[in-house]
Amino acid sequence: MTPGRWLALAAMALSTWVGAPALAQSTPTVWAPVWTASAAPARFDLADGVPLVHRDQTIRQDIRLGGSARALRFRVTNELGVAPLRLRAMTVTPAGGAAAPVTFSGDAEVVLPPGVSLVSDSLAISAPAFSRLTVTLHVPDEAAGVVRRTPMRLGPGSAPVGDTAPLDYRQGFLSAVYAERDAAPAVVVALGDSITEGATTTRGADADWPSLLADRLEALCPGGFVVVNAGISGNQVVRDGRSPNVRARLDRDLLSLPGVTHVVWIEGINDIRHDGNPMNPGRDPEEVIAAYRQVVARLHLHGIKVFGGSLTPFGGSERFDARSEASRQAINAFIRTSGVFDGVIDFDAALRDPNQPSRLVAGAHTDDRLHPNDEGHRRMAQAIDLALFDPERRSCGRRH
């Protein structure tokens, strides 16, 4: 080929490339958790002496989304199950919309061996922040729930479950809802035990402090934050109880979530109390503090900021004693002054009785004098300084 011919062909190719239309660019896909329920072994609570299990039953859960979405995916789990789990006929109905089937790799019925979780196919459902979804799931065989307790309605067989079905508080199988968005929010995980789970708040009212924190962050910075709840009733920092200790469940319940930026952590009361027999005391505060250091170090390796919540009073409750109170004070002193945490939230100061600081203030607790009620959770949410989350650095707007 002559030099002139080569130059002509090169010029033609360049002209064609320059004049060609630009390739279409797809919108970036960001998936964020907008609802979670941590895995937990079956509790086998009893009803008339018979363990509570799901058997040829439809579970209906009315879920409040923690953030907006342009598409949704759902996670079901048998990670802590002990037998294969069969699930079928899962549907989701957005507020004011029609029910849509949920599939997993195209299948409407799935079997999960023990240790397995599955993420559904994407559904093109658009929903604003704090809107409600109705999720139903048919459990054809006998199976015990393997996530933390959540409000749900139950019905026989595969028939729809109506609004008049009583609201129960049971373990199920749905462990997360993910939302597709065009911008990543800051994802805040509330980590802890029943005080974080909100086990003693009004059922189905989203009155727990993580939900109320979400309300405050959304009002300050619309679309900038999502708060999800990783509390489990009875959970402990050091030892296993009704569920694996927080160190054992950290990867599954928190680090597996996409985009986590902050953790608010209050936990340890179940560790330092005795087990019902005062001769079997709770853990020493040094053990709890050592575990705190480990958890915070692991979260920091992932670039996650961790805010420590001081332990709330429980004087007058059935497992309170002088030793556990001394442990609580030692742990709270560590949380407040050690510098291990990226910030401190003084839940103790928000809830203690000024005249009897070892007790919860009147009007903010349930009859057991351990758990905050709706008013107590409101006070906890209000005690959180939103400046900890650097809202001015977020792009606020109701995008999804």
Protein backbone atom coordinates (compact mmCIF):
# COMPACT_ATOMS: atom_id res chain seq x y z
CA MET A 1 0.00 0.00 0.00
CA THR A 2 1.36 3.40 -1.01
CA PRO A 3 1.77 6.07 1.66
CA GLY A 4 -0.92 8.16 -0.04
CA ARG A 5 -3.41 5.28 -0.01
CA TRP A 6 -2.69 4.54 3.69
CA LEU A 7 -3.25 8.20 4.64
CA ALA A 8 -6.54 8.31 2.73
CA LEU A 9 -7.87 5.23 4.51
CA ALA A 10 -6.76 6.58 7.91
CA ALA A 11 -8.49 9.88 7.24
CA MET A 12 -11.70 8.06 6.18
CA ALA A 13 -11.64 5.92 9.35
CA LEU A 14 -11.08 8.95 11.55
CA SER A 15 -13.89 10.83 9.81
CA THR A 16 -16.25 7.89 10.31
CA TRP A 17 -15.32 7.52 14.03
CA VAL A 18 -15.68 11.26 14.76
CA GLY A 19 -19.03 11.46 12.99
CA ALA A 20 -20.48 8.35 14.61
CA PRO A 21 -23.17 8.85 17.28
CA ALA A 22 -22.00 8.48 20.88
CA LEU A 23 -22.75 5.15 22.54
CA ALA A 24 -25.77 5.29 24.83
CA GLN A 25 -24.74 5.45 28.48
CA SER A 26 -26.85 3.54 30.95
CA THR A 27 -27.90 5.15 34.20
CA PRO A 28 -25.60 4.01 37.02
CA THR A 29 -27.15 1.40 39.28
CA VAL A 30 -26.83 1.82 43.03
CA TRP A 31 -28.49 -0.65 45.38
CA ALA A 32 -29.08 0.34 49.00
CA PRO A 33 -30.77 -1.52 51.85
CA VAL A 34 -34.05 0.13 52.83
CA TRP A 35 -35.32 -2.47 55.33
CA THR A 36 -33.63 -5.28 57.24
CA ALA A 37 -34.42 -8.01 59.76
CA SER A 38 -31.34 -9.79 61.08
CA ALA A 39 -31.10 -13.57 61.00
CA ALA A 40 -31.91 -15.26 64.32
CA PRO A 41 -32.36 -18.91 65.30
CA ALA A 42 -35.92 -20.10 65.79
CA ARG A 43 -37.09 -19.28 69.33
CA PHE A 44 -39.85 -21.91 69.44
CA ASP A 45 -42.13 -19.74 71.52
CA LEU A 46 -45.12 -21.68 72.74
CA ALA A 47 -48.84 -21.24 72.11
CA ASP A 48 -50.87 -23.56 74.34
CA GLY A 49 -47.74 -25.61 74.86
CA VAL A 50 -47.07 -26.05 71.12
CA PRO A 51 -44.03 -24.44 69.46
CA LEU A 52 -44.94 -21.63 67.08
CA VAL A 53 -44.07 -22.56 63.50
CA HIS A 54 -45.40 -21.65 60.06
CA ARG A 55 -47.28 -24.50 58.39
CA ASP A 56 -49.19 -24.12 55.08
CA GLN A 57 -49.53 -20.47 55.94
CA THR A 58 -49.26 -17.12 54.19
CA ILE A 59 -47.21 -14.42 55.91
CA ARG A 60 -48.12 -10.81 55.22
CA GLN A 61 -45.69 -8.06 56.22
CA ASP A 62 -46.49 -4.36 55.77
CA ILE A 63 -43.05 -2.79 55.50
CA ARG A 64 -42.07 0.85 55.67
CA LEU A 65 -39.29 1.57 53.18
CA GLY A 66 -36.39 3.49 54.71
CA GLY A 67 -35.62 5.23 51.41
CA SER A 68 -36.97 5.87 47.94
CA ALA A 69 -36.63 3.37 45.10
CA ARG A 70 -36.95 3.05 41.34
CA ALA A 71 -36.72 -0.75 41.56
CA LEU A 72 -36.72 -3.32 44.36
CA ARG A 73 -35.12 -6.63 45.27
CA PHE A 74 -35.84 -8.89 48.25
CA ARG A 75 -33.66 -11.16 50.33
CA VAL A 76 -34.97 -14.32 51.98
CA THR A 77 -32.84 -16.40 54.29
CA ASN A 78 -32.32 -19.79 55.85
CA GLU A 79 -28.82 -18.94 57.08
CA LEU A 80 -29.56 -20.01 60.65
CA GLY A 81 -32.08 -22.70 59.79
CA VAL A 82 -31.55 -26.37 60.58
CA ALA A 83 -33.58 -27.93 57.75
CA PRO A 84 -34.33 -27.13 54.09
CA LEU A 85 -36.85 -24.32 53.70
CA ARG A 86 -39.42 -24.21 50.88
CA LEU A 87 -41.00 -20.87 49.98
CA ARG A 88 -43.48 -20.08 47.23
CA ALA A 89 -45.85 -17.48 45.79
CA MET A 90 -44.10 -14.38 47.08
CA THR A 91 -45.73 -11.09 46.03
CA VAL A 92 -45.21 -7.40 46.68
CA THR A 93 -47.88 -4.71 46.51
CA PRO A 94 -46.88 -1.03 46.64
CA ALA A 95 -49.26 1.45 48.23
CA GLY A 96 -52.10 2.07 45.77
CA GLY A 97 -50.69 -0.43 43.28
CA ALA A 98 -51.24 -3.98 42.11
CA ALA A 99 -49.57 -7.12 43.43
CA ALA A 100 -46.49 -8.27 41.51
CA PRO A 101 -44.90 -11.72 41.74
CA VAL A 102 -41.39 -12.00 43.17
CA THR A 103 -39.07 -14.53 41.54
CA PHE A 104 -35.58 -15.83 42.22
CA SER A 105 -33.62 -16.49 39.03
CA GLY A 106 -37.00 -16.74 37.36
CA ASP A 107 -38.47 -19.24 39.84
CA ALA A 108 -41.58 -18.53 41.92
CA GLU A 109 -40.88 -21.44 44.28
CA VAL A 110 -37.49 -21.99 45.89
CA VAL A 111 -35.87 -24.35 48.39
CA LEU A 112 -33.15 -22.92 50.62
CA PRO A 113 -30.79 -25.42 52.26
CA PRO A 114 -29.56 -24.49 55.74
CA GLY A 115 -27.00 -21.70 55.58
CA VAL A 116 -28.34 -20.20 52.34
CA SER A 117 -29.90 -16.85 51.52
CA LEU A 118 -31.32 -15.75 48.14
CA VAL A 119 -31.78 -12.35 46.49
CA SER A 120 -34.78 -11.92 44.21
CA ASP A 121 -34.91 -10.70 40.64
CA SER A 122 -35.38 -6.96 40.26
CA LEU A 123 -38.91 -5.55 40.16
CA ALA A 124 -39.50 -2.22 38.39
CA ILE A 125 -41.47 -0.72 41.28
CA SER A 126 -40.98 2.95 42.05
CA ALA A 127 -41.73 4.07 45.59
CA PRO A 128 -41.06 7.16 47.71
CA ALA A 129 -39.24 7.09 51.04
CA PHE A 130 -41.34 5.85 53.97
CA SER A 131 -44.03 4.45 51.71
CA ARG A 132 -45.38 1.02 52.61
CA LEU A 133 -45.11 -2.25 50.77
CA THR A 134 -47.23 -5.29 51.45
CA VAL A 135 -45.10 -8.42 51.06
CA THR A 136 -46.73 -11.86 51.17
CA LEU A 137 -45.07 -15.25 51.20
CA HIS A 138 -46.59 -18.73 51.29
CA VAL A 139 -44.85 -21.32 53.49
CA PRO A 140 -46.25 -24.69 52.33
CA ASP A 141 -44.41 -26.95 54.79
CA GLU A 142 -43.74 -26.73 58.50
CA ALA A 143 -40.95 -24.23 59.12
CA ALA A 144 -39.81 -22.09 62.03
CA GLY A 145 -38.98 -18.45 61.36
CA VAL A 146 -35.28 -17.61 61.13
CA VAL A 147 -35.08 -13.83 61.30
CA ARG A 148 -35.77 -11.53 64.23
CA ARG A 149 -39.35 -10.89 65.23
CA THR A 150 -41.28 -8.42 63.11
CA PRO A 151 -44.96 -7.40 62.92
CA MET A 152 -46.91 -9.64 60.55
CA ARG A 153 -50.38 -10.93 59.73
CA LEU A 154 -50.97 -14.62 59.13
CA GLY A 155 -53.56 -16.55 57.13
CA PRO A 156 -54.22 -20.21 56.26
CA GLY A 157 -53.00 -21.73 53.02
CA SER A 158 -52.12 -19.53 50.07
CA ALA A 159 -55.17 -17.25 50.28
CA PRO A 160 -54.68 -13.47 50.58
CA VAL A 161 -54.36 -12.13 54.13
CA GLY A 162 -56.71 -9.21 54.76
CA ASP A 163 -56.40 -6.07 56.84
CA THR A 164 -58.63 -7.55 59.54
CA ALA A 165 -56.19 -10.37 60.36
CA PRO A 166 -54.67 -9.72 63.79
CA LEU A 167 -51.23 -8.16 63.92
CA ASP A 168 -48.78 -10.68 65.38
CA TYR A 169 -45.11 -10.39 66.36
CA ARG A 170 -43.28 -13.42 64.98
CA GLN A 171 -40.16 -14.60 63.23
CA GLY A 172 -40.27 -14.96 59.46
CA PHE A 173 -37.96 -15.37 56.46
CA LEU A 174 -37.63 -11.95 54.77
CA SER A 175 -34.32 -10.43 55.84
CA ALA A 176 -33.80 -7.39 53.57
CA VAL A 177 -35.30 -5.12 50.96
CA TYR A 178 -32.93 -3.38 48.55
CA ALA A 179 -33.77 -0.28 46.51
CA GLU A 180 -32.23 0.76 43.23
CA ARG A 181 -31.38 4.46 43.17
CA ASP A 182 -29.48 6.90 41.01
CA ALA A 183 -27.44 8.19 43.95
CA ALA A 184 -26.06 6.34 46.95
CA PRO A 185 -27.46 7.45 50.31
CA ALA A 186 -25.56 7.34 53.57
CA VAL A 187 -26.64 4.04 55.12
CA VAL A 188 -26.98 4.09 58.92
CA VAL A 189 -27.27 0.72 60.70
CA ALA A 190 -28.80 0.65 64.18
CA LEU A 191 -27.06 -2.23 65.95
CA GLY A 192 -28.10 -3.75 69.25
CA ASP A 193 -30.61 -5.80 71.21
CA SER A 194 -34.33 -5.44 72.02
CA ILE A 195 -33.93 -1.77 72.88
CA THR A 196 -32.84 -1.20 69.28
CA GLU A 197 -35.23 -3.71 67.74
CA GLY A 198 -38.08 -1.80 69.39
CA ALA A 199 -39.64 -4.94 70.82
CA THR A 200 -41.72 -3.00 73.39
CA THR A 201 -42.94 -0.17 71.18
CA THR A 202 -46.45 -0.01 69.73
CA ARG A 203 -46.67 -2.84 67.22
CA GLY A 204 -46.67 -1.74 63.60
CA ALA A 205 -46.35 1.97 64.47
CA ASP A 206 -42.65 2.46 63.58
CA ALA A 207 -42.13 4.02 67.02
CA ASP A 208 -38.66 2.54 67.61
CA TRP A 209 -35.76 4.95 67.87
CA PRO A 210 -34.14 3.86 64.55
CA SER A 211 -37.37 4.68 62.68
CA LEU A 212 -37.66 8.01 64.49
CA LEU A 213 -34.02 8.80 63.69
CA ALA A 214 -34.83 8.09 60.04
CA ASP A 215 -37.69 10.60 60.23
CA ARG A 216 -35.35 13.27 61.61
CA LEU A 217 -32.63 12.66 59.00
CA GLU A 218 -35.12 12.69 56.14
CA ALA A 219 -36.58 16.00 57.33
CA LEU A 220 -33.07 17.49 57.53
CA CYS A 221 -31.70 16.02 54.30
CA PRO A 222 -34.36 14.51 52.01
CA GLY A 223 -33.03 11.46 50.19
CA GLY A 224 -29.62 11.69 51.80
CA PHE A 225 -29.90 8.96 54.43
CA VAL A 226 -31.35 5.50 55.01
CA VAL A 227 -31.61 3.96 58.50
CA VAL A 228 -32.02 0.19 58.88
CA ASN A 229 -32.55 -1.83 62.05
CA ALA A 230 -30.13 -4.64 63.01
CA GLY A 231 -31.38 -5.09 66.56
CA ILE A 232 -32.26 -8.56 67.88
CA SER A 233 -34.10 -9.12 71.15
CA GLY A 234 -31.84 -10.80 73.69
CA ASN A 235 -28.66 -10.24 71.69
CA GLN A 236 -25.36 -9.92 73.54
CA VAL A 237 -21.91 -8.51 72.86
CA VAL A 238 -19.74 -11.26 74.36
CA ARG A 239 -21.70 -14.49 74.57
CA ASP A 240 -24.36 -16.24 72.54
CA GLY A 241 -27.88 -16.24 73.87
CA ARG A 242 -31.06 -16.41 71.84
CA SER A 243 -28.93 -15.38 68.87
CA PRO A 244 -25.23 -15.35 67.96
CA ASN A 245 -23.26 -12.63 69.76
CA VAL A 246 -22.67 -9.39 67.92
CA ARG A 247 -19.11 -10.29 66.92
CA ALA A 248 -20.31 -13.55 65.35
CA ARG A 249 -23.10 -11.89 63.37
CA LEU A 250 -21.29 -8.75 62.25
CA ASP A 251 -20.40 -9.97 58.74
CA ARG A 252 -23.83 -11.43 58.00
CA ASP A 253 -26.04 -8.71 59.48
CA LEU A 254 -24.04 -5.58 58.79
CA LEU A 255 -20.95 -5.88 56.61
CA SER A 256 -22.88 -7.80 53.94
CA LEU A 257 -25.13 -4.77 53.40
CA PRO A 258 -24.11 -2.50 50.51
CA GLY A 259 -23.03 1.05 51.20
CA VAL A 260 -22.99 1.15 55.01
CA THR A 261 -21.46 4.44 56.19
CA HIS A 262 -22.47 4.75 59.87
CA VAL A 263 -23.38 2.50 62.80
CA VAL A 264 -25.22 3.55 65.95
CA TRP A 265 -24.56 0.86 68.55
CA ILE A 266 -26.11 0.39 71.99
CA GLU A 267 -25.67 -3.07 73.49
CA GLY A 268 -24.37 -4.75 76.62
CA ILE A 269 -27.17 -4.80 79.19
CA ASN A 270 -27.88 -8.47 78.47
CA ASP A 271 -24.20 -9.24 79.07
CA ILE A 272 -23.82 -7.57 82.46
CA ARG A 273 -27.07 -8.76 84.07
CA HIS A 274 -27.17 -12.09 85.90
CA ASP A 275 -29.04 -14.94 84.20
CA GLY A 276 -31.96 -14.99 86.61
CA ASN A 277 -29.90 -16.44 89.42
CA PRO A 278 -27.88 -13.78 91.30
CA MET A 279 -25.27 -16.47 91.96
CA ASN A 280 -24.52 -16.46 88.20
CA PRO A 281 -23.35 -12.90 87.61
CA GLY A 282 -23.08 -11.23 84.25
CA ARG A 283 -19.91 -10.58 82.31
CA ASP A 284 -17.22 -8.31 83.69
CA PRO A 285 -17.17 -4.86 82.07
CA GLU A 286 -13.63 -5.50 80.82
CA GLU A 287 -14.91 -8.37 78.65
CA VAL A 288 -17.60 -6.17 77.11
CA ILE A 289 -15.12 -3.34 76.52
CA ALA A 290 -12.64 -5.68 74.82
CA ALA A 291 -15.43 -6.83 72.48
CA TYR A 292 -16.36 -3.21 71.78
CA ARG A 293 -12.80 -2.54 70.67
CA GLN A 294 -12.86 -5.53 68.31
CA VAL A 295 -16.16 -4.61 66.68
CA VAL A 296 -15.21 -0.96 66.21
CA ALA A 297 -11.82 -1.95 64.74
CA ARG A 298 -13.47 -4.26 62.21
CA LEU A 299 -15.99 -1.63 61.17
CA HIS A 300 -13.26 0.99 60.82
CA LEU A 301 -11.43 -1.31 58.40
CA HIS A 302 -14.45 -0.86 56.12
CA GLY A 303 -14.45 2.93 56.52
CA ILE A 304 -17.60 2.88 58.66
CA LYS A 305 -18.05 5.45 61.43
CA VAL A 306 -19.27 4.02 64.73
CA PHE A 307 -21.23 5.99 67.32
CA GLY A 308 -21.42 4.43 70.76
CA GLY A 309 -24.64 4.68 72.73
CA SER A 310 -24.36 4.69 76.52
CA LEU A 311 -26.25 1.89 78.26
CA THR A 312 -29.61 2.94 79.65
CA PRO A 313 -30.64 2.41 83.31
CA PHE A 314 -32.53 -0.69 84.39
CA GLY A 315 -32.81 -0.27 88.17
CA GLY A 316 -35.89 -1.99 89.56
CA SER A 317 -35.95 -4.65 86.83
CA GLU A 318 -35.86 -8.34 87.76
CA ARG A 319 -32.15 -8.89 87.05
CA PHE A 320 -30.81 -5.64 88.44
CA ASP A 321 -28.22 -5.69 91.20
CA ALA A 322 -25.38 -3.54 92.51
CA ARG A 323 -22.77 -5.46 90.51
CA SER A 324 -24.52 -4.97 87.18
CA GLU A 325 -25.00 -1.27 87.93
CA ALA A 326 -21.29 -0.89 88.65
CA SER A 327 -20.56 -2.65 85.35
CA ARG A 328 -22.93 -0.32 83.50
CA GLN A 329 -21.21 2.72 84.94
CA ALA A 330 -17.77 1.40 83.99
CA ILE A 331 -18.87 0.64 80.44
CA ASN A 332 -20.52 4.03 80.05
CA ALA A 333 -17.38 5.76 81.27
CA PHE A 334 -15.44 3.90 78.56
CA ILE A 335 -17.96 4.83 75.85
CA ARG A 336 -17.88 8.50 76.84
CA THR A 337 -14.15 9.00 77.38
CA SER A 338 -12.06 6.35 75.58
CA GLY A 339 -12.07 7.94 72.15
CA VAL A 340 -12.59 4.53 70.55
CA PHE A 341 -15.90 5.60 69.02
CA ASP A 342 -16.28 8.26 66.33
CA GLY A 343 -18.99 9.89 68.42
CA VAL A 344 -21.01 9.32 71.56
CA ILE A 345 -24.80 9.32 71.99
CA ASP A 346 -25.77 9.62 75.64
CA PHE A 347 -28.91 7.51 75.77
CA ASP A 348 -28.33 7.09 79.51
CA ALA A 349 -28.63 10.84 80.11
CA ALA A 350 -31.73 10.99 77.91
CA LEU A 351 -33.60 8.32 79.87
CA ARG A 352 -32.37 8.28 83.47
CA ASP A 353 -34.43 9.54 86.37
CA PRO A 354 -32.59 12.63 87.70
CA ASN A 355 -33.52 11.67 91.25
CA GLN A 356 -32.67 7.96 90.87
CA PRO A 357 -30.09 7.74 88.07
CA SER A 358 -29.99 3.94 88.14
CA ARG A 359 -33.64 3.91 87.03
CA LEU A 360 -35.49 4.95 83.89
CA VAL A 361 -37.45 8.17 84.20
CA ALA A 362 -41.18 7.80 84.87
CA GLY A 363 -43.34 7.72 81.74
CA ALA A 364 -40.54 6.47 79.49
CA HIS A 365 -40.49 2.75 80.29
CA THR A 366 -42.60 -0.38 80.26
CA ASP A 367 -43.65 -2.28 83.37
CA ASP A 368 -40.43 -4.32 83.38
CA ARG A 369 -38.39 -1.14 84.09
CA LEU A 370 -35.84 -2.29 81.53
CA HIS A 371 -37.32 -1.45 78.14
CA PRO A 372 -38.20 2.05 76.93
CA ASN A 373 -41.77 2.55 75.72
CA ASP A 374 -42.79 4.79 72.81
CA GLU A 375 -41.94 7.91 74.82
CA GLY A 376 -38.59 6.44 75.79
CA HIS A 377 -37.77 5.70 72.16
CA ARG A 378 -38.79 9.24 71.22
CA ARG A 379 -36.33 10.58 73.78
CA MET A 380 -33.60 8.30 72.47
CA ALA A 381 -34.08 9.51 68.90
CA GLN A 382 -34.07 13.13 70.02
CA ALA A 383 -30.82 12.58 71.94
CA ILE A 384 -28.93 11.88 68.71
CA ASP A 385 -27.04 14.91 67.40
CA LEU A 386 -27.65 14.86 63.64
CA ALA A 387 -24.41 16.76 63.08
CA LEU A 388 -22.61 13.45 63.73
CA PHE A 389 -23.72 12.33 60.27
CA ASP A 390 -22.24 15.33 58.42
CA PRO A 391 -25.52 16.19 56.67
CA GLU A 392 -23.99 19.24 54.99
CA ARG A 393 -21.80 16.87 52.97
CA ARG A 394 -24.77 15.00 51.57
CA SER A 395 -26.56 15.83 48.34
CA CYS A 396 -30.06 16.36 49.68
CA GLY A 397 -33.05 16.03 47.41
CA ARG A 398 -35.86 13.57 46.87
CA ARG A 399 -34.09 11.61 44.14
CA HIS A 400 -34.29 7.86 43.88
